[in-house]
Amino acid sequence: MAQGEQVRIPDVAEAARRARFGSLPERVRLADTVEERPATVLDPARNAYNDDEWLVRTCI
């Protein structure tokens, strides 16, 4: 061993960090990030036109 070199002894905390963070997580495929759901049926009563609605919105 040359002068100035030190022998490095890993401690318990470093070993725990390497066990937990020592490698990258597995890759997530793009197909696994997309969720597909069928569209809901529109409610015809929800968008029905009301002749008197403009009175309520503008006069009250």
PDB file of N, CA and C in Angstrom:
ATOM      1  N   MET A   1       0.844  -1.156   0.000  1.00  0.00           N
ATOM      2  CA  MET A   1       0.000   0.000   0.000  1.00  0.00           C
ATOM      3  C   MET A   1       0.897   1.228   0.000  1.00  0.00           C
ATOM      4  N   ALA A   2       0.547   2.183  -0.885  1.00  0.00           N
ATOM      5  CA  ALA A   2       1.350   3.396  -1.003  1.00  0.00           C
ATOM      6  C   ALA A   2       0.986   4.365   0.109  1.00  0.00           C
ATOM      7  N   GLN A   3       1.870   5.307   0.295  1.00  0.00           N
ATOM      8  CA  GLN A   3       1.638   6.282   1.345  1.00  0.00           C
ATOM      9  C   GLN A   3       0.443   7.166   0.966  1.00  0.00           C
ATOM     10  N   GLY A   4      -0.432   7.451   1.875  1.00  0.00           N
ATOM     11  CA  GLY A   4      -1.592   8.284   1.633  1.00  0.00           C
ATOM     12  C   GLY A   4      -2.845   7.480   1.288  1.00  0.00           C
ATOM     13  N   GLU A   5      -2.676   6.226   0.919  1.00  0.00           N
ATOM     14  CA  GLU A   5      -3.844   5.397   0.633  1.00  0.00           C
ATOM     15  C   GLU A   5      -4.417   4.868   1.935  1.00  0.00           C
ATOM     16  N   GLN A   6      -5.728   4.809   1.974  1.00  0.00           N
ATOM     17  CA  GLN A   6      -6.365   4.299   3.167  1.00  0.00           C
ATOM     18  C   GLN A   6      -7.229   3.106   2.783  1.00  0.00           C
ATOM     19  N   VAL A   7      -7.308   2.177   3.687  1.00  0.00           N
ATOM     20  CA  VAL A   7      -8.166   1.025   3.484  1.00  0.00           C
ATOM     21  C   VAL A   7      -9.569   1.437   3.913  1.00  0.00           C
ATOM     22  N   ARG A   8     -10.505   1.267   3.025  1.00  0.00           N
ATOM     23  CA  ARG A   8     -11.878   1.696   3.299  1.00  0.00           C
ATOM     24  C   ARG A   8     -12.692   0.496   3.751  1.00  0.00           C
ATOM     25  N   ILE A   9     -13.273   0.611   4.919  1.00  0.00           N
ATOM     26  CA  ILE A   9     -14.104  -0.450   5.478  1.00  0.00           C
ATOM     27  C   ILE A   9     -15.551   0.021   5.419  1.00  0.00           C
ATOM     28  N   PRO A  10     -16.413  -0.664   4.641  1.00  0.00           N
ATOM     29  CA  PRO A  10     -17.821  -0.227   4.550  1.00  0.00           C
ATOM     30  C   PRO A  10     -18.540  -0.428   5.880  1.00  0.00           C
ATOM     31  N   ASP A  11     -19.348   0.547   6.237  1.00  0.00           N
ATOM     32  CA  ASP A  11     -20.099   0.422   7.481  1.00  0.00           C
ATOM     33  C   ASP A  11     -21.491  -0.140   7.201  1.00  0.00           C
ATOM     34  N   VAL A  12     -22.231  -0.377   8.237  1.00  0.00           N
ATOM     35  CA  VAL A  12     -23.548  -1.003   8.124  1.00  0.00           C
ATOM     36  C   VAL A  12     -24.518  -0.076   7.404  1.00  0.00           C
ATOM     37  N   ALA A  13     -24.475   1.230   7.666  1.00  0.00           N
ATOM     38  CA  ALA A  13     -25.391   2.178   7.031  1.00  0.00           C
ATOM     39  C   ALA A  13     -25.146   2.237   5.526  1.00  0.00           C
ATOM     40  N   GLU A  14     -23.885   2.208   5.128  1.00  0.00           N
ATOM     41  CA  GLU A  14     -23.571   2.235   3.705  1.00  0.00           C
ATOM     42  C   GLU A  14     -24.059   0.960   3.021  1.00  0.00           C
ATOM     43  N   ALA A  15     -23.906  -0.161   3.664  1.00  0.00           N
ATOM     44  CA  ALA A  15     -24.375  -1.419   3.090  1.00  0.00           C
ATOM     45  C   ALA A  15     -25.899  -1.401   2.943  1.00  0.00           C
ATOM     46  N   ALA A  16     -26.599  -0.829   3.906  1.00  0.00           N
ATOM     47  CA  ALA A  16     -28.052  -0.745   3.816  1.00  0.00           C
ATOM     48  C   ALA A  16     -28.470   0.183   2.680  1.00  0.00           C
ATOM     49  N   ARG A  17     -27.759   1.311   2.511  1.00  0.00           N
ATOM     50  CA  ARG A  17     -28.071   2.224   1.410  1.00  0.00           C
ATOM     51  C   ARG A  17     -27.835   1.563   0.070  1.00  0.00           C
ATOM     52  N   ARG A  18     -26.743   0.843  -0.060  1.00  0.00           N
ATOM     53  CA  ARG A  18     -26.451   0.166  -1.329  1.00  0.00           C
ATOM     54  C   ARG A  18     -27.469  -0.926  -1.623  1.00  0.00           C
ATOM     55  N   ALA A  19     -27.943  -1.611  -0.599  1.00  0.00           N
ATOM     56  CA  ALA A  19     -28.953  -2.648  -0.810  1.00  0.00           C
ATOM     57  C   ALA A  19     -30.272  -2.029  -1.267  1.00  0.00           C
ATOM     58  N   ARG A  20     -30.585  -0.848  -0.750  1.00  0.00           N
ATOM     59  CA  ARG A  20     -31.862  -0.217  -1.093  1.00  0.00           C
ATOM     60  C   ARG A  20     -31.791   0.604  -2.375  1.00  0.00           C
ATOM     61  N   PHE A  21     -30.711   1.376  -2.555  1.00  0.00           N
ATOM     62  CA  PHE A  21     -30.615   2.302  -3.679  1.00  0.00           C
ATOM     63  C   PHE A  21     -29.495   1.958  -4.657  1.00  0.00           C
ATOM     64  N   GLY A  22     -28.937   0.791  -4.557  1.00  0.00           N
ATOM     65  CA  GLY A  22     -27.767   0.459  -5.356  1.00  0.00           C
ATOM     66  C   GLY A  22     -28.035   0.210  -6.827  1.00  0.00           C
ATOM     67  N   SER A  23     -29.293  -0.005  -7.217  1.00  0.00           N
ATOM     68  CA  SER A  23     -29.591  -0.241  -8.626  1.00  0.00           C
ATOM     69  C   SER A  23     -30.851   0.518  -9.010  1.00  0.00           C
ATOM     70  N   LEU A  24     -30.997   0.739 -10.294  1.00  0.00           N
ATOM     71  CA  LEU A  24     -32.175   1.437 -10.791  1.00  0.00           C
ATOM     72  C   LEU A  24     -33.383   0.511 -10.754  1.00  0.00           C
ATOM     73  N   PRO A  25     -34.576   1.074 -10.628  1.00  0.00           N
ATOM     74  CA  PRO A  25     -35.780   0.231 -10.656  1.00  0.00           C
ATOM     75  C   PRO A  25     -36.002  -0.329 -12.060  1.00  0.00           C
ATOM     76  N   GLU A  26     -36.847  -1.333 -12.146  1.00  0.00           N
ATOM     77  CA  GLU A  26     -37.139  -1.924 -13.443  1.00  0.00           C
ATOM     78  C   GLU A  26     -37.874  -0.912 -14.310  1.00  0.00           C
ATOM     79  N   ARG A  27     -37.667  -1.007 -15.611  1.00  0.00           N
ATOM     80  CA  ARG A  27     -38.325  -0.097 -16.541  1.00  0.00           C
ATOM     81  C   ARG A  27     -39.810  -0.412 -16.627  1.00  0.00           C
ATOM     82  N   VAL A  28     -40.603   0.622 -16.800  1.00  0.00           N
ATOM     83  CA  VAL A  28     -42.046   0.475 -16.963  1.00  0.00           C
ATOM     84  C   VAL A  28     -42.352   0.642 -18.443  1.00  0.00           C
ATOM     85  N   ARG A  29     -43.030  -0.353 -18.997  1.00  0.00           N
ATOM     86  CA  ARG A  29     -43.362  -0.285 -20.412  1.00  0.00           C
ATOM     87  C   ARG A  29     -44.430   0.780 -20.629  1.00  0.00           C
ATOM     88  N   LEU A  30     -44.409   1.425 -21.782  1.00  0.00           N
ATOM     89  CA  LEU A  30     -45.381   2.450 -22.090  1.00  0.00           C
ATOM     90  C   LEU A  30     -46.796   1.871 -22.114  1.00  0.00           C
ATOM     91  N   ALA A  31     -46.937   0.661 -22.585  1.00  0.00           N
ATOM     92  CA  ALA A  31     -48.258   0.030 -22.628  1.00  0.00           C
ATOM     93  C   ALA A  31     -48.829  -0.167 -21.222  1.00  0.00           C
ATOM     94  N   ASP A  32     -47.982  -0.269 -20.222  1.00  0.00           N
ATOM     95  CA  ASP A  32     -48.450  -0.443 -18.845  1.00  0.00           C
ATOM     96  C   ASP A  32     -48.872   0.873 -18.196  1.00  0.00           C
ATOM     97  N   THR A  33     -48.597   2.009 -18.848  1.00  0.00           N
ATOM     98  CA  THR A  33     -48.932   3.305 -18.265  1.00  0.00           C
ATOM     99  C   THR A  33     -50.249   3.855 -18.786  1.00  0.00           C
ATOM    100  N   VAL A  34     -50.894   3.159 -19.709  1.00  0.00           N
ATOM    101  CA  VAL A  34     -52.135   3.641 -20.310  1.00  0.00           C
ATOM    102  C   VAL A  34     -53.301   2.823 -19.785  1.00  0.00           C
ATOM    103  N   GLU A  35     -54.353   3.516 -19.383  1.00  0.00           N
ATOM    104  CA  GLU A  35     -55.555   2.840 -18.922  1.00  0.00           C
ATOM    105  C   GLU A  35     -56.676   3.157 -19.900  1.00  0.00           C
ATOM    106  N   GLU A  36     -57.329   2.137 -20.374  1.00  0.00           N
ATOM    107  CA  GLU A  36     -58.428   2.325 -21.310  1.00  0.00           C
ATOM    108  C   GLU A  36     -59.737   1.967 -20.622  1.00  0.00           C
ATOM    109  N   ARG A  37     -60.707   2.873 -20.768  1.00  0.00           N
ATOM    110  CA  ARG A  37     -62.042   2.641 -20.226  1.00  0.00           C
ATOM    111  C   ARG A  37     -63.052   2.997 -21.302  1.00  0.00           C
ATOM    112  N   PRO A  38     -64.147   2.294 -21.353  1.00  0.00           N
ATOM    113  CA  PRO A  38     -65.173   2.652 -22.345  1.00  0.00           C
ATOM    114  C   PRO A  38     -65.817   3.991 -21.982  1.00  0.00           C
ATOM    115  N   ALA A  39     -66.216   4.730 -23.014  1.00  0.00           N
ATOM    116  CA  ALA A  39     -66.870   6.011 -22.801  1.00  0.00           C
ATOM    117  C   ALA A  39     -68.267   5.794 -22.228  1.00  0.00           C
ATOM    118  N   THR A  40     -68.695   6.733 -21.415  1.00  0.00           N
ATOM    119  CA  THR A  40     -70.033   6.623 -20.841  1.00  0.00           C
ATOM    120  C   THR A  40     -71.064   7.135 -21.843  1.00  0.00           C
ATOM    121  N   VAL A  41     -72.262   6.659 -21.731  1.00  0.00           N
ATOM    122  CA  VAL A  41     -73.351   7.084 -22.602  1.00  0.00           C
ATOM    123  C   VAL A  41     -73.834   8.451 -22.137  1.00  0.00           C
ATOM    124  N   LEU A  42     -74.029   9.372 -23.070  1.00  0.00           N
ATOM    125  CA  LEU A  42     -74.486  10.703 -22.718  1.00  0.00           C
ATOM    126  C   LEU A  42     -75.938  10.667 -22.258  1.00  0.00           C
ATOM    127  N   ASP A  43     -76.246  11.480 -21.272  1.00  0.00           N
ATOM    128  CA  ASP A  43     -77.599  11.588 -20.749  1.00  0.00           C
ATOM    129  C   ASP A  43     -78.337  12.651 -21.564  1.00  0.00           C
ATOM    130  N   PRO A  44     -79.383  12.291 -22.306  1.00  0.00           N
ATOM    131  CA  PRO A  44     -80.075  13.281 -23.137  1.00  0.00           C
ATOM    132  C   PRO A  44     -80.761  14.365 -22.310  1.00  0.00           C
ATOM    133  N   ALA A  45     -81.159  14.085 -21.097  1.00  0.00           N
ATOM    134  CA  ALA A  45     -81.819  15.085 -20.258  1.00  0.00           C
ATOM    135  C   ALA A  45     -80.826  16.130 -19.758  1.00  0.00           C
ATOM    136  N   ARG A  46     -79.577  15.800 -19.705  1.00  0.00           N
ATOM    137  CA  ARG A  46     -78.575  16.727 -19.187  1.00  0.00           C
ATOM    138  C   ARG A  46     -78.366  17.904 -20.133  1.00  0.00           C
ATOM    139  N   ASN A  47     -78.334  17.653 -21.411  1.00  0.00           N
ATOM    140  CA  ASN A  47     -78.065  18.701 -22.386  1.00  0.00           C
ATOM    141  C   ASN A  47     -79.324  19.139 -23.126  1.00  0.00           C
ATOM    142  N   ALA A  48     -80.484  18.851 -22.578  1.00  0.00           N
ATOM    143  CA  ALA A  48     -81.731  19.230 -23.241  1.00  0.00           C
ATOM    144  C   ALA A  48     -81.905  20.743 -23.179  1.00  0.00           C
ATOM    145  N   TYR A  49     -82.415  21.298 -24.259  1.00  0.00           N
ATOM    146  CA  TYR A  49     -82.640  22.740 -24.330  1.00  0.00           C
ATOM    147  C   TYR A  49     -83.933  23.093 -23.600  1.00  0.00           C
ATOM    148  N   ASN A  50     -83.864  24.128 -22.807  1.00  0.00           N
ATOM    149  CA  ASN A  50     -85.027  24.596 -22.074  1.00  0.00           C
ATOM    150  C   ASN A  50     -85.332  26.008 -22.558  1.00  0.00           C
ATOM    151  N   ASP A  51     -86.550  26.237 -23.082  1.00  0.00           N
ATOM    152  CA  ASP A  51     -86.920  27.548 -23.633  1.00  0.00           C
ATOM    153  C   ASP A  51     -86.882  28.661 -22.590  1.00  0.00           C
ATOM    154  N   ASP A  52     -87.197  28.346 -21.357  1.00  0.00           N
ATOM    155  CA  ASP A  52     -87.272  29.372 -20.321  1.00  0.00           C
ATOM    156  C   ASP A  52     -85.957  29.570 -19.565  1.00  0.00           C
ATOM    157  N   GLU A  53     -84.936  28.843 -19.912  1.00  0.00           N
ATOM    158  CA  GLU A  53     -83.676  28.961 -19.175  1.00  0.00           C
ATOM    159  C   GLU A  53     -83.060  30.336 -19.351  1.00  0.00           C
ATOM    160  N   TRP A  54     -83.179  30.927 -20.521  1.00  0.00           N
ATOM    161  CA  TRP A  54     -82.585  32.255 -20.734  1.00  0.00           C
ATOM    162  C   TRP A  54     -83.227  33.294 -19.825  1.00  0.00           C
ATOM    163  N   LEU A  55     -84.514  33.122 -19.500  1.00  0.00           N
ATOM    164  CA  LEU A  55     -85.155  34.051 -18.564  1.00  0.00           C
ATOM    165  C   LEU A  55     -84.535  33.954 -17.179  1.00  0.00           C
ATOM    166  N   VAL A  56     -84.304  32.756 -16.753  1.00  0.00           N
ATOM    167  CA  VAL A  56     -83.722  32.561 -15.437  1.00  0.00           C
ATOM    168  C   VAL A  56     -82.321  33.115 -15.378  1.00  0.00           C
ATOM    169  N   ARG A  57     -81.531  32.907 -16.409  1.00  0.00           N
ATOM    170  CA  ARG A  57     -80.127  33.356 -16.419  1.00  0.00           C
ATOM    171  C   ARG A  57     -79.991  34.858 -16.580  1.00  0.00           C
ATOM    172  N   THR A  58     -80.865  35.497 -17.367  1.00  0.00           N
ATOM    173  CA  THR A  58     -80.673  36.904 -17.655  1.00  0.00           C
ATOM    174  C   THR A  58     -81.535  37.841 -16.823  1.00  0.00           C
ATOM    175  N   CYS A  59     -82.694  37.395 -16.378  1.00  0.00           N
ATOM    176  CA  CYS A  59     -83.618  38.306 -15.698  1.00  0.00           C
ATOM    177  C   CYS A  59     -83.549  38.206 -14.180  1.00  0.00           C
ATOM    178  N   ILE A  60     -83.040  37.163 -13.654  1.00  0.00           N
ATOM    179  CA  ILE A  60     -83.018  37.032 -12.185  1.00  0.00           C
ATOM    180  C   ILE A  60     -81.661  37.381 -11.664  1.00  0.00           C
TER     181      ILE A  60
END
